[in-house]
Amino acid sequence: MKESAELFKLLAVDKRIDIIELLKKEAMSVNAIAEKLGITQSAVSQHLRVLKSADLVKDERQGYWIYYSLNKEALEECRKRLNRICTCGCSGGQTAPKKPGDCSSKG
């Protein structure tokens, strides 16, 4: 797993978050991801390469196709890191009173 700053930097790209959201539902091929996101297969491949280098995504060959899925253990470690950084009380589904500068919970 990458250092926290590097990890958050690579997750700062919206399309990578979109790919993670898709892979939360099921393993997918590059073609399927590209179709769902409306971007090129080449762009998807580049994003997957970055996510795989961070150990957030794994791949499995099935015949001609390679299916990508989340490395749920690594993603859980990311969540734990974020929870250590965030101290506003928004973690774990609990809602704390909002003050200026607090995180906003998005559901």
Protein backbone atom coordinates (compact mmCIF):
# COMPACT_ATOMS: atom_id res chain seq x y z
CA MET A 1 0.00 0.00 0.00
CA LYS A 2 1.24 3.46 -0.85
CA GLU A 3 1.88 6.23 1.65
CA SER A 4 -1.21 8.23 2.61
CA ALA A 5 -0.36 11.37 0.61
CA GLU A 6 0.33 9.33 -2.55
CA LEU A 7 -2.80 7.27 -2.01
CA PHE A 8 -5.05 10.29 -1.65
CA LYS A 9 -3.41 11.92 -4.66
CA LEU A 10 -4.24 8.96 -6.90
CA LEU A 11 -7.79 8.85 -5.52
CA ALA A 12 -8.25 12.56 -6.30
CA VAL A 13 -9.11 11.66 -9.92
CA ASP A 14 -12.90 11.41 -10.34
CA LYS A 15 -12.77 8.64 -12.96
CA ARG A 16 -10.76 6.43 -10.58
CA ILE A 17 -13.43 6.88 -7.94
CA ASP A 18 -16.06 6.05 -10.59
CA ILE A 19 -14.16 2.86 -11.45
CA ILE A 20 -14.00 1.89 -7.77
CA GLU A 21 -17.75 2.50 -7.46
CA LEU A 22 -18.42 0.20 -10.45
CA LEU A 23 -16.11 -2.51 -9.14
CA LYS A 24 -17.88 -2.46 -5.75
CA LYS A 25 -20.82 -4.08 -7.54
CA GLU A 26 -19.01 -6.70 -9.64
CA ALA A 27 -15.79 -7.63 -11.42
CA MET A 28 -15.64 -6.04 -14.86
CA SER A 29 -13.56 -6.00 -18.02
CA VAL A 30 -11.93 -2.87 -19.43
CA ASN A 31 -14.53 -2.83 -22.22
CA ALA A 32 -17.44 -2.94 -19.78
CA ILE A 33 -15.97 -0.20 -17.59
CA ALA A 34 -15.28 2.01 -20.63
CA GLU A 35 -18.85 1.57 -21.86
CA LYS A 36 -20.37 2.39 -18.46
CA LEU A 37 -18.21 5.49 -17.98
CA GLY A 38 -18.29 6.69 -21.57
CA ILE A 39 -14.51 6.92 -21.87
CA THR A 40 -11.97 5.10 -24.02
CA GLN A 41 -10.62 1.66 -23.21
CA SER A 42 -7.15 3.20 -23.20
CA ALA A 43 -8.16 5.71 -20.51
CA VAL A 44 -9.70 2.95 -18.40
CA SER A 45 -6.55 0.85 -18.77
CA GLN A 46 -4.39 3.74 -17.57
CA HIS A 47 -6.61 4.34 -14.52
CA LEU A 48 -6.65 0.62 -13.73
CA ARG A 49 -2.85 0.50 -14.01
CA VAL A 50 -2.59 3.24 -11.36
CA LEU A 51 -5.18 1.61 -9.10
CA LYS A 52 -3.48 -1.77 -9.48
CA SER A 53 -0.05 -0.29 -8.65
CA ALA A 54 -1.61 1.01 -5.41
CA ASP A 55 -2.93 -2.52 -4.76
CA LEU A 56 -6.53 -1.26 -4.73
CA VAL A 57 -7.55 -3.34 -7.75
CA LYS A 58 -6.67 -6.89 -8.74
CA ASP A 59 -7.14 -8.73 -12.00
CA GLU A 60 -8.00 -12.25 -13.09
CA ARG A 61 -7.70 -13.66 -16.58
CA GLN A 62 -10.66 -15.68 -17.86
CA GLY A 63 -9.94 -16.85 -21.40
CA TYR A 64 -9.32 -13.80 -23.59
CA TRP A 65 -10.71 -11.41 -20.99
CA ILE A 66 -9.20 -9.88 -17.90
CA TYR A 67 -11.67 -9.01 -15.17
CA TYR A 68 -10.85 -6.38 -12.58
CA SER A 69 -12.15 -6.38 -9.04
CA LEU A 70 -11.52 -4.45 -5.86
CA ASN A 71 -8.93 -5.51 -3.35
CA LYS A 72 -11.36 -5.04 -0.48
CA GLU A 73 -8.69 -5.47 2.19
CA ALA A 74 -6.62 -2.62 0.72
CA LEU A 75 -9.71 -0.44 0.34
CA GLU A 76 -10.54 -1.09 3.99
CA GLU A 77 -7.04 0.07 4.93
CA CYS A 78 -7.71 3.29 2.99
CA ARG A 79 -10.91 3.79 4.95
CA LYS A 80 -9.04 3.28 8.23
CA ARG A 81 -6.41 5.83 7.22
CA LEU A 82 -9.06 8.37 6.36
CA ASN A 83 -10.83 7.76 9.67
CA ARG A 84 -7.56 8.45 11.53
CA ILE A 85 -7.20 11.76 9.67
CA CYS A 86 -10.82 12.88 9.97
CA THR A 87 -11.71 13.89 13.51
CA CYS A 88 -14.99 15.69 12.90
CA GLY A 89 -17.16 12.81 14.08
CA CYS A 90 -18.55 11.89 10.66
CA SER A 91 -17.00 8.39 10.53
CA GLY A 92 -18.89 5.20 11.19
CA GLY A 93 -22.26 6.55 10.12
CA GLN A 94 -22.58 8.74 13.22
CA THR A 95 -23.64 12.31 12.72
CA ALA A 96 -22.05 14.98 14.87
CA PRO A 97 -23.32 18.54 15.18
CA LYS A 98 -21.98 20.56 12.27
CA LYS A 99 -19.61 23.44 12.94
CA PRO A 100 -17.85 25.68 10.45
CA GLY A 101 -14.94 23.71 8.96
CA ASP A 102 -16.36 20.27 9.78
CA CYS A 103 -16.54 17.55 7.14
CA SER A 104 -19.90 17.07 5.52
CA SER A 105 -21.22 13.52 5.45
CA LYS A 106 -22.28 12.40 2.01
CA GLY A 107 -24.47 9.37 1.83
